[in-house]
Amino acid sequence: MDFQPSAKTLEYRKRLIQFIKENIEPIESNYHKECRRLNPDANWRNWEVPPIVAELKAKARAAGLWNLFLPDAELGAGLTTLEYAPLAEVMGHSLLAPEVFNCNAPDTGNMEVLYHFGSAAQKQEWLTPLLNGEIRSVFCMTEPDVASSDATNMQTSITADGDDVVISGRKWWSTGLGHPDAQFAIVMGLTDPDASKHQRHSMVLVPLTTPGVTIERMLPAFGEYDAPYGHGEVVFDQVRVPKSNVIGDLGDGFKIAQGRLGPGRIHHCMRALGAAEKALQLFMKRGQDRIAFGKPLLQLGGNLERVADMRIAIDQARLLTFFAAWKIDQVGAMKALAEISAIKVVAPNVLQQVVDEAIQLYGGAGVSHDVPLTQLFAVARALRIADGPDAVHRATIAKVELAKYRER
């Protein structure tokens, strides 16, 4: 296996770094201040997106830095999972950058679902405007009334009724539900409780304006509502949509989910490692600039050893993530479950560790809005739950490992 970045990756990486340095870094602090000013509370109906975002997206698209995640040379950059991974890391240095390049969750995962599994009509109606950055989307999977760490617990129903399907249930932590441009959700629910465990569920496209769809609230994470995106709770009360809105066939939900989550977890983990690099950069700057007891902070309290430990942890996690990406490209996500689960445990924990050390070094400033560390910590801690908690991924790794010994 060879993890040397391809020439295409190196070229895109160079251009991304330059674009972020020239266009995003100078305005990002003000962008976050403007978000807090425009969106001061949980009332998502009044949320607004700072105008600078549309300007940056137009500039990024004109520069050819657009839909880089999509493995299609006409609609995206045509990169493999491994080729895209370093680009996701570059974007992870900034909380705004993924949105600017139209490489932001949950839209990336939803676009991949529609690209790989959607019908021609679904692609025309929903995929094309997503690829153009004209709308945003939501993915509704987690539910408040069941242990969603076991996705087979889902209670939301998707029931066939003539030429329609009817959706009933409650979802929460649906990322992007509060965004002013959110137009539809991909909803996963139970279709046939008597089918085999992984053929019971389906995915369906639901426009958010459909009668019976009620957004009840946005949920705060560590007291922040993540405006203008939001993580919402939504009720589907006998929501009726055409059967043509079903993605694939009824019962294909888990098959589609695995195709969606494999590459998506590479994206998450590499962005997390980019964020960890950003936190380490802030640690080094603070450690060299601040003097205490007559010495730079880096020279005190074992901080140099912490630097070494953080560097080792980030580099180990990066190599593990590259290996998972390489294996997805070689044999597919279903045969790389242990590797995908491993990075999903490791990368968010590395980010949390590095951010925590940086917060400690910054003191009071570290838990303020003056530096992005509290936002990065929230990302890290949430990622240890999102797309499956650490314990579930460890169980998957152990299951795969046990199978090796049973075969002997």
Protein backbone atom coordinates (compact mmCIF):
# COMPACT_ATOMS: atom_id res chain seq x y z
CA MET A 1 0.00 0.00 0.00
CA ASP A 2 1.17 3.50 -0.82
CA PHE A 3 -0.12 6.56 1.04
CA GLN A 4 1.89 9.04 -1.00
CA PRO A 5 -0.61 11.70 -2.16
CA SER A 6 -1.33 11.65 -5.87
CA ALA A 7 -0.39 14.56 -8.09
CA LYS A 8 -4.08 15.56 -8.22
CA THR A 9 -4.31 15.56 -4.43
CA LEU A 10 -1.14 17.63 -4.05
CA GLU A 11 -2.41 20.19 -6.55
CA TYR A 12 -5.84 20.49 -4.91
CA ARG A 13 -4.22 20.61 -1.46
CA LYS A 14 -1.96 23.48 -2.50
CA ARG A 15 -4.90 25.41 -3.92
CA LEU A 16 -7.09 24.76 -0.87
CA ILE A 17 -4.41 25.95 1.54
CA GLN A 18 -3.91 29.11 -0.50
CA PHE A 19 -7.65 29.80 -0.76
CA ILE A 20 -8.19 29.32 2.97
CA LYS A 21 -5.20 31.51 3.83
CA GLU A 22 -6.30 34.33 1.54
CA ASN A 23 -10.09 34.20 1.82
CA ILE A 24 -11.25 32.34 4.93
CA GLU A 25 -8.71 32.87 7.70
CA PRO A 26 -8.90 36.69 7.54
CA ILE A 27 -12.69 36.73 8.01
CA GLU A 28 -13.44 33.61 10.06
CA SER A 29 -13.37 35.24 13.49
CA ASN A 30 -15.74 37.97 12.31
CA TYR A 31 -17.91 35.36 10.62
CA HIS A 32 -18.50 33.58 13.93
CA LYS A 33 -19.21 36.89 15.67
CA GLU A 34 -21.72 37.73 12.94
CA CYS A 35 -23.38 34.33 13.34
CA ARG A 36 -23.85 34.98 17.05
CA ARG A 37 -25.24 38.44 16.32
CA LEU A 38 -27.67 37.31 13.64
CA ASN A 39 -28.73 34.18 15.52
CA PRO A 40 -28.72 35.02 19.24
CA ASP A 41 -31.08 32.30 20.46
CA ALA A 42 -32.81 29.01 19.69
CA ASN A 43 -35.48 30.55 17.43
CA TRP A 44 -34.28 28.92 14.21
CA ARG A 45 -37.17 30.40 12.22
CA ASN A 46 -35.29 33.72 12.31
CA TRP A 47 -31.81 32.35 11.69
CA GLU A 48 -29.74 33.96 8.95
CA VAL A 49 -26.54 33.06 7.14
CA PRO A 50 -23.93 35.84 7.02
CA PRO A 51 -23.75 37.12 3.39
CA ILE A 52 -20.00 36.46 3.24
CA VAL A 53 -20.73 32.71 2.97
CA ALA A 54 -22.46 33.02 -0.43
CA GLU A 55 -19.63 35.24 -1.64
CA LEU A 56 -16.99 32.73 -0.59
CA LYS A 57 -18.90 29.80 -2.11
CA ALA A 58 -19.16 31.58 -5.43
CA LYS A 59 -15.44 32.32 -5.34
CA ALA A 60 -14.58 28.71 -4.43
CA ARG A 61 -16.75 27.33 -7.21
CA ALA A 62 -15.19 29.69 -9.74
CA ALA A 63 -11.76 28.49 -8.58
CA GLY A 64 -12.73 24.85 -9.22
CA LEU A 65 -12.63 23.99 -5.49
CA TRP A 66 -16.12 22.53 -5.37
CA ASN A 67 -17.66 19.13 -4.54
CA LEU A 68 -14.16 17.73 -4.06
CA PHE A 69 -15.50 14.73 -2.11
CA LEU A 70 -17.50 13.28 -5.02
CA PRO A 71 -15.71 10.50 -6.97
CA ASP A 72 -17.01 11.78 -10.31
CA ALA A 73 -14.77 13.80 -12.60
CA GLU A 74 -17.71 15.70 -14.11
CA LEU A 75 -19.74 16.48 -10.99
CA GLY A 76 -16.84 16.62 -8.54
CA ALA A 77 -13.09 16.14 -8.47
CA GLY A 78 -13.12 12.43 -9.34
CA LEU A 79 -10.89 11.53 -6.41
CA THR A 80 -10.69 8.22 -4.59
CA THR A 81 -11.41 8.07 -0.86
CA LEU A 82 -7.67 8.04 -0.13
CA GLU A 83 -7.01 10.93 -2.51
CA TYR A 84 -9.70 13.06 -0.88
CA ALA A 85 -8.61 12.34 2.70
CA PRO A 86 -5.76 14.94 2.85
CA LEU A 87 -8.11 17.56 1.42
CA ALA A 88 -10.64 16.88 4.18
CA GLU A 89 -7.83 17.40 6.69
CA VAL A 90 -7.00 20.80 5.19
CA MET A 91 -10.66 21.83 5.44
CA GLY A 92 -10.73 20.66 9.05
CA HIS A 93 -8.39 23.50 10.04
CA SER A 94 -11.40 25.80 9.67
CA LEU A 95 -14.95 25.42 10.97
CA LEU A 96 -16.21 27.38 7.95
CA ALA A 97 -14.16 25.87 5.12
CA PRO A 98 -16.17 22.66 4.46
CA GLU A 99 -19.29 24.75 3.82
CA VAL A 100 -17.42 27.11 1.47
CA PHE A 101 -16.24 24.20 -0.72
CA ASN A 102 -19.66 22.43 -0.65
CA CYS A 103 -18.05 19.58 1.27
CA ASN A 104 -20.05 19.91 4.47
CA ALA A 105 -22.03 17.25 6.37
CA PRO A 106 -24.75 16.12 6.16
CA ASP A 107 -24.97 17.28 2.54
CA THR A 108 -21.92 15.28 1.46
CA GLY A 109 -23.40 12.02 2.74
CA ASN A 110 -26.81 12.81 1.28
CA MET A 111 -25.26 13.67 -2.09
CA GLU A 112 -23.35 10.37 -2.04
CA VAL A 113 -26.58 8.50 -1.30
CA LEU A 114 -28.39 10.17 -4.19
CA TYR A 115 -25.39 9.80 -6.52
CA HIS A 116 -25.00 6.06 -5.87
CA PHE A 117 -28.58 4.97 -5.15
CA GLY A 118 -30.96 7.69 -6.34
CA SER A 119 -33.21 7.43 -9.38
CA ALA A 120 -32.77 9.75 -12.35
CA ALA A 121 -35.77 11.81 -11.20
CA GLN A 122 -34.43 12.03 -7.61
CA LYS A 123 -31.06 13.18 -8.88
CA GLN A 124 -32.61 15.87 -11.02
CA GLU A 125 -34.87 17.18 -8.27
CA TRP A 126 -32.56 16.94 -5.26
CA LEU A 127 -28.98 16.03 -6.16
CA THR A 128 -28.43 18.72 -8.79
CA PRO A 129 -29.42 21.67 -6.53
CA LEU A 130 -27.31 20.20 -3.72
CA LEU A 131 -24.31 19.92 -6.02
CA ASN A 132 -24.92 23.51 -7.10
CA GLY A 133 -25.05 24.68 -3.48
CA GLU A 134 -28.55 26.09 -4.01
CA ILE A 135 -30.16 24.18 -1.13
CA ARG A 136 -29.17 22.22 1.95
CA SER A 137 -30.42 18.91 3.31
CA VAL A 138 -30.91 16.92 6.52
CA PHE A 139 -30.39 13.28 7.51
CA CYS A 140 -32.91 11.92 10.02
CA MET A 141 -31.86 8.70 11.73
CA THR A 142 -31.40 9.09 15.51
CA GLU A 143 -34.51 8.88 17.72
CA PRO A 144 -35.07 10.12 21.29
CA ASP A 145 -37.15 7.20 22.57
CA VAL A 146 -34.85 4.28 21.76
CA ALA A 147 -31.17 3.41 22.20
CA SER A 148 -30.06 4.69 18.81
CA SER A 149 -26.61 3.16 19.25
CA ASP A 150 -28.44 0.07 17.92
CA ALA A 151 -29.92 1.35 14.67
CA THR A 152 -32.23 -1.67 14.42
CA ASN A 153 -34.19 -0.14 17.33
CA MET A 154 -35.64 2.55 15.06
CA GLN A 155 -39.38 3.01 15.61
CA THR A 156 -40.20 5.61 12.97
CA SER A 157 -42.33 3.79 10.40
CA ILE A 158 -42.26 4.03 6.62
CA THR A 159 -45.36 2.20 5.41
CA ALA A 160 -46.39 1.57 1.81
CA ASP A 161 -49.91 2.73 0.97
CA GLY A 162 -50.79 2.41 -2.70
CA ASP A 163 -48.63 4.79 -4.70
CA ASP A 164 -47.44 6.52 -1.53
CA VAL A 165 -45.48 5.83 1.62
CA VAL A 166 -46.54 7.19 5.00
CA ILE A 167 -43.93 8.24 7.58
CA SER A 168 -44.69 8.48 11.29
CA GLY A 169 -42.23 8.99 14.11
CA ARG A 170 -39.88 11.35 15.90
CA LYS A 171 -36.23 12.07 15.09
CA TRP A 172 -33.68 14.27 16.82
CA TRP A 173 -30.09 15.48 16.49
CA SER A 174 -30.91 15.98 12.82
CA THR A 175 -28.02 18.20 11.77
CA GLY A 176 -28.79 21.16 9.55
CA LEU A 177 -32.50 21.14 10.34
CA GLY A 178 -32.44 24.81 11.36
CA HIS A 179 -30.62 26.09 8.28
CA PRO A 180 -32.64 28.61 6.24
CA ASP A 181 -31.78 26.72 3.03
CA ALA A 182 -32.71 23.23 4.30
CA GLN A 183 -35.28 21.88 1.82
CA PHE A 184 -35.60 18.16 2.46
CA ALA A 185 -34.59 15.31 4.73
CA ILE A 186 -33.56 11.76 4.02
CA VAL A 187 -35.52 9.82 6.65
CA MET A 188 -34.62 6.28 7.68
CA GLY A 189 -37.36 4.18 9.24
CA LEU A 190 -38.88 0.75 9.80
CA THR A 191 -40.78 -0.77 6.87
CA ASP A 192 -41.11 -4.49 7.66
CA PRO A 193 -40.49 -5.61 11.26
CA ASP A 194 -40.74 -9.27 10.19
CA ALA A 195 -37.96 -9.11 7.60
CA SER A 196 -34.37 -10.08 8.38
CA LYS A 197 -32.64 -7.60 10.67
CA HIS A 198 -30.89 -5.62 7.96
CA GLN A 199 -33.75 -5.63 5.45
CA ARG A 200 -36.40 -4.05 7.66
CA HIS A 201 -35.61 -0.41 7.03
CA SER A 202 -35.92 2.08 4.19
CA MET A 203 -34.80 5.58 3.29
CA VAL A 204 -37.19 8.13 1.84
CA LEU A 205 -36.89 11.74 0.64
CA VAL A 206 -39.22 14.07 2.55
CA PRO A 207 -39.56 17.76 1.63
CA LEU A 208 -39.65 19.71 4.90
CA THR A 209 -42.77 21.59 3.77
CA THR A 210 -44.81 18.37 3.50
CA PRO A 211 -47.96 18.39 5.70
CA GLY A 212 -47.31 16.55 8.95
CA VAL A 213 -43.65 17.56 9.24
CA THR A 214 -43.19 19.62 12.42
CA ILE A 215 -39.82 20.93 13.56
CA GLU A 216 -40.23 21.22 17.32
CA ARG A 217 -36.92 22.65 18.49
CA MET A 218 -33.19 22.98 18.06
CA LEU A 219 -31.03 21.13 20.57
CA PRO A 220 -28.07 22.84 22.26
CA ALA A 221 -24.73 21.07 22.42
CA PHE A 222 -22.74 22.38 25.40
CA GLY A 223 -25.13 25.34 25.45
CA GLU A 224 -24.53 26.30 21.81
CA TYR A 225 -27.12 25.94 19.04
CA ASP A 226 -24.64 25.79 16.16
CA ALA A 227 -26.53 28.39 14.15
CA PRO A 228 -27.22 28.67 11.28
CA TYR A 229 -27.16 24.86 10.98
CA GLY A 230 -28.71 23.54 14.14
CA HIS A 231 -29.39 20.03 15.42
CA GLY A 232 -33.13 19.62 15.59
CA GLU A 233 -35.99 17.48 16.82
CA VAL A 234 -38.68 16.83 14.21
CA VAL A 235 -41.96 14.93 14.21
CA PHE A 236 -43.41 13.11 11.20
CA ASP A 237 -47.15 12.71 11.75
CA GLN A 238 -48.68 10.57 8.99
CA VAL A 239 -46.49 12.30 6.43
CA ARG A 240 -47.43 11.13 2.95
CA VAL A 241 -45.04 11.28 0.00
CA PRO A 242 -45.00 9.45 -3.36
CA LYS A 243 -43.42 6.00 -3.37
CA SER A 244 -41.06 7.40 -6.00
CA ASN A 245 -39.40 9.27 -3.09
CA VAL A 246 -38.11 5.97 -1.68
CA ILE A 247 -34.36 5.65 -2.32
CA GLY A 248 -33.68 2.31 -3.96
CA ASP A 249 -36.30 -0.22 -2.85
CA LEU A 250 -38.21 -0.63 0.40
CA GLY A 251 -35.91 -2.58 2.71
CA ASP A 252 -32.67 -1.17 1.29
CA GLY A 253 -32.08 1.27 4.15
CA PHE A 254 -29.20 -0.52 5.87
CA LYS A 255 -27.42 -1.33 2.63
CA ILE A 256 -27.59 2.35 1.67
CA ALA A 257 -26.54 3.47 5.15
CA GLN A 258 -23.36 1.41 5.04
CA GLY A 259 -22.47 2.88 1.65
CA ARG A 260 -23.11 6.36 3.05
CA LEU A 261 -21.28 6.03 6.34
CA GLY A 262 -18.02 4.43 5.17
CA PRO A 263 -16.52 7.31 3.15
CA GLY A 264 -18.34 9.81 5.38
CA ARG A 265 -16.42 8.59 8.40
CA ILE A 266 -13.16 9.14 6.55
CA HIS A 267 -14.30 12.72 5.93
CA HIS A 268 -15.23 13.22 9.60
CA CYS A 269 -12.00 11.74 10.90
CA MET A 270 -9.71 13.66 8.57
CA ARG A 271 -11.49 16.92 9.34
CA ALA A 272 -11.04 16.06 13.03
CA LEU A 273 -7.31 15.62 12.49
CA GLY A 274 -7.15 18.95 10.66
CA ALA A 275 -8.87 20.51 13.66
CA ALA A 276 -6.35 18.78 15.94
CA GLU A 277 -3.52 20.33 13.91
CA LYS A 278 -5.21 23.72 14.34
CA ALA A 279 -5.45 23.20 18.11
CA LEU A 280 -1.80 22.15 18.27
CA GLN A 281 -0.86 25.26 16.29
CA LEU A 282 -2.74 27.40 18.82
CA PHE A 283 -1.01 25.50 21.66
CA MET A 284 2.42 26.22 20.20
CA LYS A 285 1.67 29.89 19.61
CA ARG A 286 0.37 30.41 23.15
CA GLY A 287 3.21 28.40 24.62
CA GLN A 288 5.86 30.52 22.94
CA ASP A 289 4.18 33.93 23.29
CA ARG A 290 3.18 33.81 26.97
CA ILE A 291 5.71 34.15 29.79
CA ALA A 292 5.13 32.88 33.32
CA PHE A 293 7.65 32.60 36.14
CA GLY A 294 10.29 34.03 33.82
CA LYS A 295 9.92 31.39 31.08
CA PRO A 296 7.72 30.71 28.04
CA LEU A 297 4.81 28.45 28.94
CA LEU A 298 6.24 25.74 26.67
CA GLN A 299 9.19 25.43 29.05
CA LEU A 300 6.97 24.81 32.08
CA GLY A 301 5.00 21.95 33.56
CA GLY A 302 5.89 19.21 31.09
CA ASN A 303 4.44 21.11 28.13
CA LEU A 304 7.21 20.05 25.76
CA GLU A 305 6.43 16.40 26.53
CA ARG A 306 2.78 17.15 25.82
CA VAL A 307 3.76 18.56 22.43
CA ALA A 308 5.57 15.31 21.63
CA ASP A 309 2.62 13.19 22.74
CA MET A 310 0.18 15.25 20.66
CA ARG A 311 2.37 15.02 17.56
CA ILE A 312 2.63 11.24 17.96
CA ALA A 313 -1.12 10.86 18.47
CA ILE A 314 -2.08 12.98 15.44
CA ASP A 315 0.38 11.24 13.12
CA GLN A 316 -0.67 7.76 14.27
CA ALA A 317 -4.34 8.62 13.76
CA ARG A 318 -3.64 10.02 10.30
CA LEU A 319 -1.88 6.85 9.16
CA LEU A 320 -4.70 4.70 10.54
CA THR A 321 -7.24 6.83 8.68
CA PHE A 322 -5.26 6.62 5.44
CA PHE A 323 -5.22 2.84 5.84
CA ALA A 324 -9.01 2.74 6.29
CA ALA A 325 -9.47 4.98 3.24
CA TRP A 326 -7.13 2.78 1.18
CA LYS A 327 -9.04 -0.34 2.23
CA ILE A 328 -12.40 1.21 1.31
CA ASP A 329 -11.00 1.95 -2.15
CA GLN A 330 -9.62 -1.57 -2.48
CA VAL A 331 -12.46 -3.77 -1.18
CA GLY A 332 -15.39 -1.51 -0.27
CA ALA A 333 -16.75 -0.20 3.02
CA MET A 334 -18.46 -3.46 4.03
CA LYS A 335 -15.09 -5.24 4.10
CA ALA A 336 -13.39 -2.43 5.99
CA LEU A 337 -15.72 -2.29 8.99
CA ALA A 338 -13.03 -2.81 11.62
CA GLU A 339 -10.74 -0.19 10.11
CA ILE A 340 -13.58 2.34 9.79
CA SER A 341 -14.63 1.69 13.38
CA ALA A 342 -11.04 2.05 14.58
CA ILE A 343 -10.59 5.52 13.13
CA LYS A 344 -14.00 6.57 14.39
CA VAL A 345 -12.78 5.81 17.91
CA VAL A 346 -9.27 7.19 17.53
CA ALA A 347 -9.64 10.47 15.59
CA PRO A 348 -12.28 12.22 17.75
CA ASN A 349 -10.45 11.14 20.91
CA VAL A 350 -7.19 12.58 19.58
CA LEU A 351 -8.95 15.83 18.74
CA GLN A 352 -10.51 15.98 22.20
CA GLN A 353 -7.14 15.34 23.84
CA VAL A 354 -5.30 18.01 21.87
CA VAL A 355 -8.05 20.62 22.28
CA ASP A 356 -8.22 19.94 26.01
CA GLU A 357 -4.47 20.54 26.35
CA ALA A 358 -4.77 23.77 24.36
CA ILE A 359 -7.66 24.98 26.52
CA GLN A 360 -5.60 24.30 29.62
CA LEU A 361 -2.69 26.33 28.26
CA TYR A 362 -4.95 29.26 27.28
CA GLY A 363 -6.63 29.35 30.68
CA GLY A 364 -9.72 31.56 30.77
CA ALA A 365 -9.32 32.55 27.14
CA GLY A 366 -9.54 28.88 26.18
CA VAL A 367 -13.15 28.58 27.31
CA SER A 368 -14.23 31.86 25.71
CA HIS A 369 -15.17 32.78 22.15
CA ASP A 370 -11.84 34.57 21.64
CA VAL A 371 -10.29 31.40 20.22
CA PRO A 372 -12.17 28.50 18.55
CA LEU A 373 -11.22 25.90 21.14
CA THR A 374 -14.64 25.52 22.78
CA GLN A 375 -16.20 24.95 19.35
CA LEU A 376 -13.53 22.39 18.49
CA PHE A 377 -14.04 20.63 21.82
CA ALA A 378 -17.77 20.41 21.17
CA VAL A 379 -17.07 18.93 17.73
CA ALA A 380 -14.73 16.33 19.23
CA ARG A 381 -17.07 15.32 22.03
CA ALA A 382 -20.10 15.12 19.75
CA LEU A 383 -18.19 13.03 17.20
CA ARG A 384 -17.60 10.41 19.88
CA ILE A 385 -21.38 9.89 19.82
CA ALA A 386 -22.38 10.80 16.26
CA ASP A 387 -22.30 7.99 13.65
CA GLY A 388 -22.14 5.48 16.50
CA PRO A 389 -20.63 5.87 19.98
CA ASP A 390 -17.14 4.68 20.84
CA ALA A 391 -18.43 1.56 22.59
CA VAL A 392 -20.30 0.36 19.49
CA HIS A 393 -17.26 0.83 17.27
CA ARG A 394 -15.08 -1.04 19.77
CA ALA A 395 -17.64 -3.86 19.73
CA THR A 396 -17.43 -4.01 15.93
CA ILE A 397 -13.62 -4.20 16.04
CA ALA A 398 -13.78 -6.96 18.65
CA LYS A 399 -16.37 -8.91 16.63
CA VAL A 400 -14.17 -8.83 13.53
CA GLU A 401 -11.15 -9.84 15.58
CA LEU A 402 -12.97 -12.76 17.21
CA ALA A 403 -14.06 -14.02 13.81
CA LYS A 404 -10.40 -14.38 12.79
CA TYR A 405 -9.79 -16.82 15.63
CA ARG A 406 -12.95 -18.83 15.04
CA GLU A 407 -11.77 -19.43 11.48
CA ARG A 408 -8.54 -21.08 12.63
